[in-house]
Amino acid sequence: MEFDHSPRAAEYIQRVREFIHERILPAEQEYYAHLAEPGRTWTQPPVMEALKAEAKREGLWNLFLPEEEYGPGLSTLEYAPLAEEMGWSFIAPEVFNCNAPDTGNMEVLARYGSHEQQETWLKPLLAGEIRSAFAMTERDVASSDATNMQATIELDGEEAVVNGRKWWTSNAGHPRCEFFIFMGVTDSGADRHQRHSMVIVPRNTPGVNVKRMLPVFGQLDEPYGHGEVHFENVRVPKSNIIAGPGRGFEIAQGRLGPGRIHHCMRAIGAAERALKLLCERSLSRVAFGKPLAKLGGNADIIANARMDIEMARLLTLQAAYKIDKYGVFAAMSEISQIKVVAPSLCQRIVDQAIQMHGGAGVSDDFPLTALFGYARVLRLADGPDEVHRALIAKYELKKYQQ
């Protein structure tokens, strides 16, 4: 079994790491200061555009797509450690044009989109000129079971009529969000996994109404935002349906598999940043005559955090390897395993870092409260822990059923 990264991946890891620590992390203060100014909450900070242009010039662009026509052609396994590096900063993924939900939408359009859809929507996304959103979760049903979906896409001649109330539609507040990929029911009488379709809805289409941005632990996550969006008799061309009616679930599974690798590796990178802050604080602060690192069970906390990160990383890389070698559907159990493990360990380590910092840990002087919110939300996004545990158990029991 080979544990070394490929030479190509190792080179990109070094280049991405240097770019993040030398250019992105020092720019975070300027980025957030811009958003804090009156009237600029939902605008794109100029420093982001400067960083994106620099990353593009250096060939650190669209790293997540394995298709060589769109980027360097890195496999899921080769890209995974790059996602971990990006987890050190909330703004890093966009700098490299590797931020969700745009990554998932680009994957969908690259693999399932028509030529017209790719020309109109994929190319500007690949160039970083526009942003997009994915409208799936609904406010009125338990969206942990996607078959509960009430939103509809009705075919009317050469048009598709879209109706539904969606929420937690990430990127809906971004000033450059130009379209939604909307998932809804096209045939309620079909098999439960063939009832749904995905359709492209341009943001400026009549009947699309972004009602509000939803705060997460009191933060709006500007300039991206998580919107509640109402679609009321929205008419778009039938040709906007992706891959044809009834293929929504198939597309969703293909979209979410690699995306969960990205999420989990970013969570591991965030946990690494939290552990670094925890260790630095434990060595620099003295209480009762000793550094915090030598008080109580703090050494155990640090050791357990390191072991948890190493185990989660190996499990996530194994899932990435299986996706590359056997496809998403052969790696379903491993994908669900990492989706439970990585966000939970990230939340736990961030919480311990907050505790080590005392009052400073819950202030805005450190990124820990934002990291905690990120990790906690990730335990719900792309399926809650309970749903993934149920799937893991299902695959495990299958081994022993006659």
Protein backbone atom coordinates (compact mmCIF):
# COMPACT_ATOMS: atom_id res chain seq x y z
CA MET A 1 0.00 0.00 0.00
CA GLU A 2 1.43 3.36 -1.08
CA PHE A 3 0.94 6.26 1.33
CA ASP A 4 3.04 8.86 -0.45
CA HIS A 5 1.32 11.51 -2.55
CA SER A 6 2.00 11.35 -6.27
CA PRO A 7 4.83 13.67 -7.38
CA ARG A 8 2.28 15.89 -9.12
CA ALA A 9 0.08 16.09 -6.03
CA ALA A 10 3.08 16.80 -3.80
CA GLU A 11 4.06 19.72 -6.04
CA TYR A 12 0.56 21.20 -5.94
CA ILE A 13 0.34 20.71 -2.16
CA GLN A 14 3.49 22.77 -1.68
CA ARG A 15 2.40 25.49 -4.09
CA VAL A 16 -1.11 25.77 -2.61
CA ARG A 17 0.23 25.75 0.95
CA GLU A 18 2.69 28.54 0.20
CA PHE A 19 0.04 30.60 -1.57
CA ILE A 20 -2.36 30.26 1.38
CA HIS A 21 0.15 31.09 4.10
CA GLU A 22 2.02 33.81 2.24
CA ARG A 23 -0.85 35.57 0.47
CA ILE A 24 -4.32 34.48 1.58
CA LEU A 25 -4.00 34.36 5.38
CA PRO A 26 -2.34 37.82 5.49
CA ALA A 27 -5.21 39.17 3.31
CA GLU A 28 -8.03 37.91 5.54
CA GLN A 29 -8.09 41.07 7.66
CA GLU A 30 -8.45 43.31 4.59
CA TYR A 31 -11.15 41.03 3.18
CA TYR A 32 -13.31 41.12 6.31
CA ALA A 33 -12.65 44.82 6.95
CA HIS A 34 -14.15 45.59 3.53
CA LEU A 35 -17.33 43.63 4.34
CA ALA A 36 -17.63 45.38 7.72
CA GLU A 37 -17.85 48.83 6.14
CA PRO A 38 -21.38 50.30 5.85
CA GLY A 39 -23.08 49.40 2.59
CA ARG A 40 -20.50 46.79 1.59
CA THR A 41 -21.89 43.71 3.32
CA TRP A 42 -23.02 42.06 0.08
CA THR A 43 -20.21 43.20 -2.21
CA GLN A 44 -17.12 41.40 -3.45
CA PRO A 45 -13.97 42.63 -1.65
CA PRO A 46 -11.40 43.86 -4.23
CA VAL A 47 -8.66 41.84 -2.51
CA MET A 48 -10.52 38.66 -3.48
CA GLU A 49 -10.41 39.57 -7.15
CA ALA A 50 -6.70 40.36 -6.88
CA LEU A 51 -5.98 37.01 -5.21
CA LYS A 52 -8.05 35.12 -7.80
CA ALA A 53 -6.19 36.76 -10.66
CA GLU A 54 -2.88 35.84 -9.04
CA ALA A 55 -3.93 32.22 -8.45
CA LYS A 56 -5.12 31.91 -12.04
CA ARG A 57 -1.81 33.27 -13.36
CA GLU A 58 0.07 30.69 -11.30
CA GLY A 59 -2.04 27.80 -12.60
CA LEU A 60 -3.72 27.19 -9.23
CA TRP A 61 -7.22 27.25 -10.71
CA ASN A 62 -10.11 24.77 -11.02
CA LEU A 63 -8.01 22.18 -9.23
CA PHE A 64 -10.99 20.02 -8.21
CA LEU A 65 -12.11 18.78 -11.63
CA PRO A 66 -10.40 15.56 -12.79
CA GLU A 67 -11.17 16.31 -16.45
CA GLU A 68 -8.02 17.74 -18.03
CA GLU A 69 -9.95 20.01 -20.38
CA TYR A 70 -10.99 22.13 -17.38
CA GLY A 71 -7.82 22.23 -15.27
CA PRO A 72 -4.73 20.24 -14.29
CA GLY A 73 -6.71 16.98 -14.29
CA LEU A 74 -6.03 15.96 -10.70
CA SER A 75 -7.77 12.82 -9.44
CA THR A 76 -10.04 12.97 -6.39
CA LEU A 77 -7.20 11.47 -4.33
CA GLU A 78 -4.71 14.04 -5.63
CA TYR A 79 -7.06 16.95 -5.00
CA ALA A 80 -8.07 15.86 -1.47
CA PRO A 81 -4.91 17.18 0.30
CA LEU A 82 -5.30 20.48 -1.56
CA ALA A 83 -8.80 20.79 -0.11
CA GLU A 84 -7.26 20.21 3.33
CA GLU A 85 -4.87 23.10 2.77
CA MET A 86 -7.79 25.30 1.71
CA GLY A 87 -9.55 24.44 4.97
CA TRP A 88 -7.10 26.75 6.76
CA SER A 89 -8.98 29.80 5.46
CA PHE A 90 -12.65 30.48 4.78
CA ILE A 91 -11.75 32.52 1.72
CA ALA A 92 -9.12 30.20 0.22
CA PRO A 93 -11.49 27.94 -1.78
CA GLU A 94 -12.88 30.86 -3.79
CA VAL A 95 -9.38 32.18 -4.48
CA PHE A 96 -8.64 28.94 -6.36
CA ASN A 97 -12.17 28.75 -7.86
CA CYS A 98 -12.75 25.65 -5.74
CA ASN A 99 -15.58 26.81 -3.48
CA ALA A 100 -18.91 25.11 -2.85
CA PRO A 101 -21.57 25.12 -4.13
CA ASP A 102 -19.95 26.24 -7.39
CA THR A 103 -17.69 23.18 -7.46
CA GLY A 104 -20.66 20.81 -7.31
CA ASN A 105 -22.56 22.80 -9.93
CA MET A 106 -19.53 22.79 -12.24
CA GLU A 107 -19.23 19.02 -11.80
CA VAL A 108 -22.90 18.62 -12.69
CA LEU A 109 -22.64 20.78 -15.80
CA ALA A 110 -19.35 19.22 -16.90
CA ARG A 111 -20.69 15.66 -16.65
CA TYR A 112 -24.42 16.00 -17.33
CA GLY A 113 -24.91 19.37 -18.99
CA SER A 114 -25.77 19.90 -22.65
CA HIS A 115 -23.43 21.79 -24.95
CA GLU A 116 -25.68 24.85 -24.69
CA GLN A 117 -25.72 24.66 -20.87
CA GLN A 118 -21.96 24.31 -20.75
CA GLU A 119 -21.41 27.27 -23.06
CA THR A 120 -23.86 29.51 -21.20
CA TRP A 121 -23.18 28.59 -17.58
CA LEU A 122 -20.20 26.28 -17.14
CA LYS A 123 -17.65 28.39 -19.00
CA PRO A 124 -18.28 31.58 -16.96
CA LEU A 125 -18.13 29.51 -13.75
CA LEU A 126 -14.85 27.96 -14.80
CA ALA A 127 -13.49 31.44 -15.50
CA GLY A 128 -14.60 32.68 -12.07
CA GLU A 129 -16.70 35.39 -13.67
CA ILE A 130 -20.00 34.38 -12.03
CA ARG A 131 -21.21 32.41 -9.01
CA SER A 132 -24.10 29.97 -8.66
CA ALA A 133 -26.35 28.33 -6.07
CA PHE A 134 -27.94 24.92 -5.51
CA ALA A 135 -31.61 24.96 -4.44
CA MET A 136 -32.50 21.63 -2.89
CA THR A 137 -33.35 21.91 0.85
CA GLU A 138 -36.95 22.92 1.67
CA ARG A 139 -38.25 24.74 4.72
CA ASP A 140 -41.59 22.91 5.03
CA VAL A 141 -40.45 19.25 5.08
CA ALA A 142 -37.76 17.12 6.71
CA SER A 143 -35.13 17.50 4.02
CA SER A 144 -32.94 14.80 5.54
CA ASP A 145 -35.18 12.56 3.40
CA ALA A 146 -34.93 14.10 -0.05
CA THR A 147 -37.93 12.10 -1.28
CA ASN A 148 -40.06 14.43 0.90
CA MET A 149 -39.38 17.20 -1.60
CA GLN A 150 -42.50 19.21 -2.47
CA ALA A 151 -41.05 21.57 -5.09
CA THR A 152 -42.22 20.85 -8.61
CA ILE A 153 -41.00 21.19 -12.18
CA GLU A 154 -43.96 20.86 -14.53
CA LEU A 155 -43.47 20.53 -18.27
CA ASP A 156 -45.63 22.84 -20.37
CA GLY A 157 -44.81 22.51 -24.04
CA GLU A 158 -41.28 23.79 -24.53
CA GLU A 159 -41.16 25.33 -21.07
CA ALA A 160 -40.59 24.06 -17.53
CA VAL A 161 -42.68 25.71 -14.80
CA VAL A 162 -40.86 25.80 -11.47
CA ASN A 163 -42.57 26.17 -8.08
CA GLY A 164 -41.22 25.69 -4.58
CA ARG A 165 -39.86 27.27 -1.41
CA LYS A 166 -36.20 26.48 -0.82
CA TRP A 167 -33.87 27.55 1.94
CA TRP A 168 -30.24 27.22 2.99
CA THR A 169 -29.48 28.01 -0.62
CA SER A 170 -25.81 28.90 -0.24
CA ASN A 171 -24.37 31.67 -2.44
CA ALA A 172 -27.83 33.20 -2.93
CA GLY A 173 -26.60 36.50 -1.52
CA HIS A 174 -23.46 36.77 -3.60
CA PRO A 175 -23.54 39.76 -5.95
CA ARG A 176 -22.31 37.56 -8.81
CA CYS A 177 -24.73 34.65 -8.28
CA GLU A 178 -26.28 34.35 -11.75
CA PHE A 179 -28.27 31.11 -11.59
CA PHE A 180 -29.70 28.36 -9.42
CA ILE A 181 -29.70 24.64 -10.06
CA PHE A 182 -33.17 23.78 -8.75
CA MET A 183 -34.25 20.26 -7.83
CA GLY A 184 -37.93 19.35 -7.90
CA VAL A 185 -40.50 16.65 -8.71
CA THR A 186 -41.35 16.17 -12.39
CA ASP A 187 -43.31 12.89 -12.10
CA SER A 188 -44.85 12.07 -8.72
CA GLY A 189 -46.00 8.66 -10.00
CA ALA A 190 -42.56 7.39 -10.97
CA ASP A 191 -40.21 5.31 -8.83
CA ARG A 192 -39.23 7.34 -5.77
CA HIS A 193 -35.70 7.89 -7.10
CA GLN A 194 -36.84 8.77 -10.62
CA ARG A 195 -39.40 11.42 -9.76
CA HIS A 196 -37.01 14.35 -9.56
CA SER A 197 -35.17 16.54 -12.03
CA MET A 198 -32.68 19.38 -11.93
CA VAL A 199 -33.21 22.55 -13.91
CA ILE A 200 -31.16 25.71 -14.42
CA VAL A 201 -33.03 28.83 -13.29
CA PRO A 202 -31.37 32.19 -14.07
CA ARG A 203 -31.55 34.44 -11.03
CA ASN A 204 -33.24 37.31 -12.89
CA THR A 205 -36.15 35.14 -14.11
CA PRO A 206 -39.60 36.54 -13.13
CA GLY A 207 -40.98 34.70 -10.10
CA VAL A 208 -37.60 34.14 -8.40
CA ASN A 209 -37.66 35.92 -5.06
CA VAL A 210 -34.78 35.80 -2.57
CA LYS A 211 -36.82 36.41 0.60
CA ARG A 212 -34.03 36.66 3.17
CA MET A 213 -30.57 35.58 4.19
CA LEU A 214 -30.56 33.11 7.06
CA PRO A 215 -28.12 33.84 9.91
CA VAL A 216 -26.01 30.98 11.26
CA PHE A 217 -25.12 31.49 14.93
CA GLY A 218 -25.86 35.17 14.33
CA GLN A 219 -23.63 35.48 11.24
CA LEU A 220 -24.87 35.97 7.69
CA ASP A 221 -21.76 34.53 5.98
CA GLU A 222 -21.56 37.52 3.69
CA PRO A 223 -21.02 37.97 0.79
CA TYR A 224 -22.18 34.40 0.07
CA GLY A 225 -25.19 34.02 2.32
CA HIS A 226 -27.65 31.19 2.79
CA GLY A 227 -30.93 32.24 1.25
CA GLU A 228 -34.57 31.42 1.57
CA VAL A 229 -35.67 31.56 -2.05
CA HIS A 230 -39.22 31.30 -3.35
CA PHE A 231 -39.88 30.15 -6.90
CA GLU A 232 -43.41 31.08 -8.00
CA ASN A 233 -44.55 29.98 -11.47
CA VAL A 234 -41.05 30.50 -12.81
CA ARG A 235 -40.89 29.68 -16.50
CA VAL A 236 -37.65 28.61 -18.14
CA PRO A 237 -36.95 26.75 -21.40
CA LYS A 238 -37.41 22.98 -21.19
CA SER A 239 -33.84 22.73 -22.49
CA ASN A 240 -32.68 24.04 -19.08
CA ILE A 241 -33.45 20.64 -17.54
CA ILE A 242 -30.14 18.89 -16.93
CA ALA A 243 -29.74 15.48 -18.62
CA GLY A 244 -33.51 15.13 -19.04
CA PRO A 245 -36.46 14.58 -16.66
CA GLY A 246 -36.21 12.01 -13.87
CA ARG A 247 -32.45 12.05 -13.41
CA GLY A 248 -32.25 14.37 -10.42
CA PHE A 249 -31.30 11.73 -7.84
CA GLU A 250 -28.71 10.18 -10.11
CA ILE A 251 -27.11 13.58 -10.65
CA ALA A 252 -27.30 14.43 -6.94
CA GLN A 253 -25.40 11.31 -5.91
CA GLY A 254 -22.72 11.95 -8.52
CA ARG A 255 -22.48 15.56 -7.33
CA LEU A 256 -22.34 14.84 -3.60
CA GLY A 257 -19.73 12.04 -3.62
CA PRO A 258 -16.63 14.07 -4.54
CA GLY A 259 -18.14 17.12 -2.82
CA ARG A 260 -18.15 15.30 0.50
CA ILE A 261 -14.46 14.51 0.07
CA HIS A 262 -13.85 18.23 -0.41
CA HIS A 263 -15.95 19.17 2.62
CA CYS A 264 -14.28 16.62 4.88
CA MET A 265 -10.73 17.47 3.86
CA ARG A 266 -11.46 21.17 4.39
CA ALA A 267 -12.81 20.28 7.83
CA ILE A 268 -9.55 18.45 8.58
CA GLY A 269 -7.61 21.54 7.49
CA ALA A 270 -9.79 23.68 9.78
CA ALA A 271 -9.12 21.23 12.62
CA GLU A 272 -5.38 21.56 11.97
CA ARG A 273 -5.64 25.35 12.24
CA ALA A 274 -7.61 25.03 15.49
CA LEU A 275 -5.08 22.58 16.91
CA LYS A 276 -2.23 24.95 16.02
CA LEU A 277 -3.96 27.79 17.86
CA LEU A 278 -4.69 25.47 20.79
CA CYS A 279 -1.06 24.38 21.10
CA GLU A 280 0.33 27.90 20.77
CA ARG A 281 -2.04 29.16 23.46
CA SER A 282 -1.25 26.26 25.77
CA LEU A 283 2.47 27.03 25.56
CA SER A 284 2.25 30.80 25.82
CA ARG A 285 -0.12 31.11 28.80
CA VAL A 286 0.83 30.27 32.38
CA ALA A 287 -1.63 29.50 35.18
CA PHE A 288 -0.91 28.23 38.67
CA GLY A 289 2.79 28.34 37.89
CA LYS A 290 2.68 26.10 34.82
CA PRO A 291 2.05 26.44 31.08
CA LEU A 292 -1.53 25.45 30.26
CA ALA A 293 -0.13 22.54 28.24
CA LYS A 294 0.99 20.91 31.48
CA LEU A 295 -2.16 21.49 33.48
CA GLY A 296 -4.85 18.88 34.07
CA GLY A 297 -5.61 16.68 31.10
CA ASN A 298 -4.53 19.17 28.46
CA ALA A 299 -1.73 16.94 27.20
CA ASP A 300 -4.29 14.19 26.60
CA ILE A 301 -6.52 16.63 24.74
CA ILE A 302 -3.66 17.58 22.43
CA ALA A 303 -2.62 13.97 21.86
CA ASN A 304 -6.17 12.84 21.13
CA ALA A 305 -6.67 15.70 18.69
CA ARG A 306 -3.57 14.70 16.75
CA MET A 307 -4.65 11.05 16.60
CA ASP A 308 -8.19 11.95 15.54
CA ILE A 309 -6.93 14.15 12.71
CA GLU A 310 -4.57 11.46 11.42
CA MET A 311 -7.28 8.80 11.47
CA ALA A 312 -9.83 11.04 9.76
CA ARG A 313 -7.36 12.02 7.06
CA LEU A 314 -6.54 8.40 6.24
CA LEU A 315 -10.22 7.45 6.14
CA THR A 316 -11.02 10.37 3.83
CA LEU A 317 -8.14 9.58 1.50
CA GLN A 318 -9.31 5.96 1.37
CA ALA A 319 -12.77 7.15 0.31
CA ALA A 320 -11.18 9.36 -2.36
CA TYR A 321 -9.13 6.39 -3.61
CA LYS A 322 -12.25 4.21 -3.90
CA ILE A 323 -14.11 6.93 -5.84
CA ASP A 324 -11.25 7.15 -8.34
CA LYS A 325 -10.82 3.41 -8.71
CA TYR A 326 -14.36 2.07 -8.48
CA GLY A 327 -16.72 5.05 -8.76
CA VAL A 328 -18.93 6.96 -6.33
CA PHE A 329 -21.49 4.20 -5.81
CA ALA A 330 -18.82 1.70 -4.74
CA ALA A 331 -17.61 4.12 -2.08
CA MET A 332 -20.97 5.04 -0.53
CA SER A 333 -20.21 3.60 2.92
CA GLU A 334 -16.78 5.25 3.11
CA ILE A 335 -18.24 8.58 1.95
CA SER A 336 -20.84 8.43 4.72
CA GLN A 337 -18.21 7.39 7.27
CA ILE A 338 -16.06 10.44 6.60
CA LYS A 339 -19.09 12.71 6.57
CA VAL A 340 -19.80 11.66 10.17
CA VAL A 341 -16.19 11.58 11.37
CA ALA A 342 -14.55 14.70 9.93
CA PRO A 343 -17.04 17.44 10.90
CA SER A 344 -17.48 15.93 14.39
CA LEU A 345 -13.76 15.83 15.14
CA CYS A 346 -13.37 19.35 13.76
CA GLN A 347 -16.14 20.62 16.04
CA ARG A 348 -14.60 18.84 19.03
CA ILE A 349 -11.08 20.20 18.44
CA VAL A 350 -12.34 23.74 17.84
CA ASP A 351 -14.36 23.52 21.05
CA GLN A 352 -11.24 22.45 22.94
CA ALA A 353 -9.28 25.31 21.36
CA ILE A 354 -11.97 27.75 22.51
CA GLN A 355 -11.69 26.35 26.03
CA MET A 356 -7.91 26.73 25.98
CA HIS A 357 -8.25 30.38 24.95
CA GLY A 358 -10.71 31.22 27.70
CA GLY A 359 -12.61 34.46 27.06
CA ALA A 360 -10.50 35.17 24.00
CA GLY A 361 -11.82 31.98 22.42
CA VAL A 362 -15.36 33.33 22.12
CA SER A 363 -14.24 36.75 20.87
CA ASP A 364 -13.60 37.87 17.32
CA ASP A 365 -9.87 38.21 18.05
CA PHE A 366 -9.46 34.59 16.94
CA PRO A 367 -11.28 32.65 14.18
CA LEU A 368 -12.49 29.96 16.59
CA THR A 369 -16.16 30.90 16.86
CA ALA A 370 -16.41 31.00 13.07
CA LEU A 371 -14.66 27.63 12.83
CA PHE A 372 -17.02 26.17 15.43
CA GLY A 373 -20.08 27.37 13.51
CA TYR A 374 -18.64 25.98 10.28
CA ALA A 375 -18.01 22.54 11.80
CA ARG A 376 -21.41 22.40 13.50
CA VAL A 377 -23.27 23.31 10.32
CA LEU A 378 -21.31 20.72 8.35
CA ARG A 379 -22.82 18.00 10.55
CA LEU A 380 -26.16 18.92 8.91
CA ALA A 381 -25.12 19.93 5.41
CA ASP A 382 -25.10 17.21 2.72
CA GLY A 383 -27.05 14.94 5.07
CA PRO A 384 -27.14 14.85 8.89
CA ASP A 385 -25.01 12.43 10.87
CA GLU A 386 -27.96 10.16 11.59
CA VAL A 387 -28.74 9.59 7.91
CA HIS A 388 -25.13 8.70 7.18
CA ARG A 389 -24.94 6.34 10.16
CA ALA A 390 -28.07 4.57 8.94
CA LEU A 391 -26.50 4.08 5.51
CA ILE A 392 -23.24 2.81 7.01
CA ALA A 393 -25.18 0.29 9.11
CA LYS A 394 -27.20 -0.78 6.06
CA TYR A 395 -24.04 -1.60 4.09
CA GLU A 396 -22.48 -3.35 7.09
CA LEU A 397 -25.52 -5.55 7.74
CA LYS A 398 -25.68 -6.46 4.06
CA LYS A 399 -22.47 -8.44 4.48
CA TYR A 400 -24.18 -10.87 6.84
CA GLN A 401 -27.66 -11.14 5.38
CA GLN A 402 -28.52 -14.34 3.53
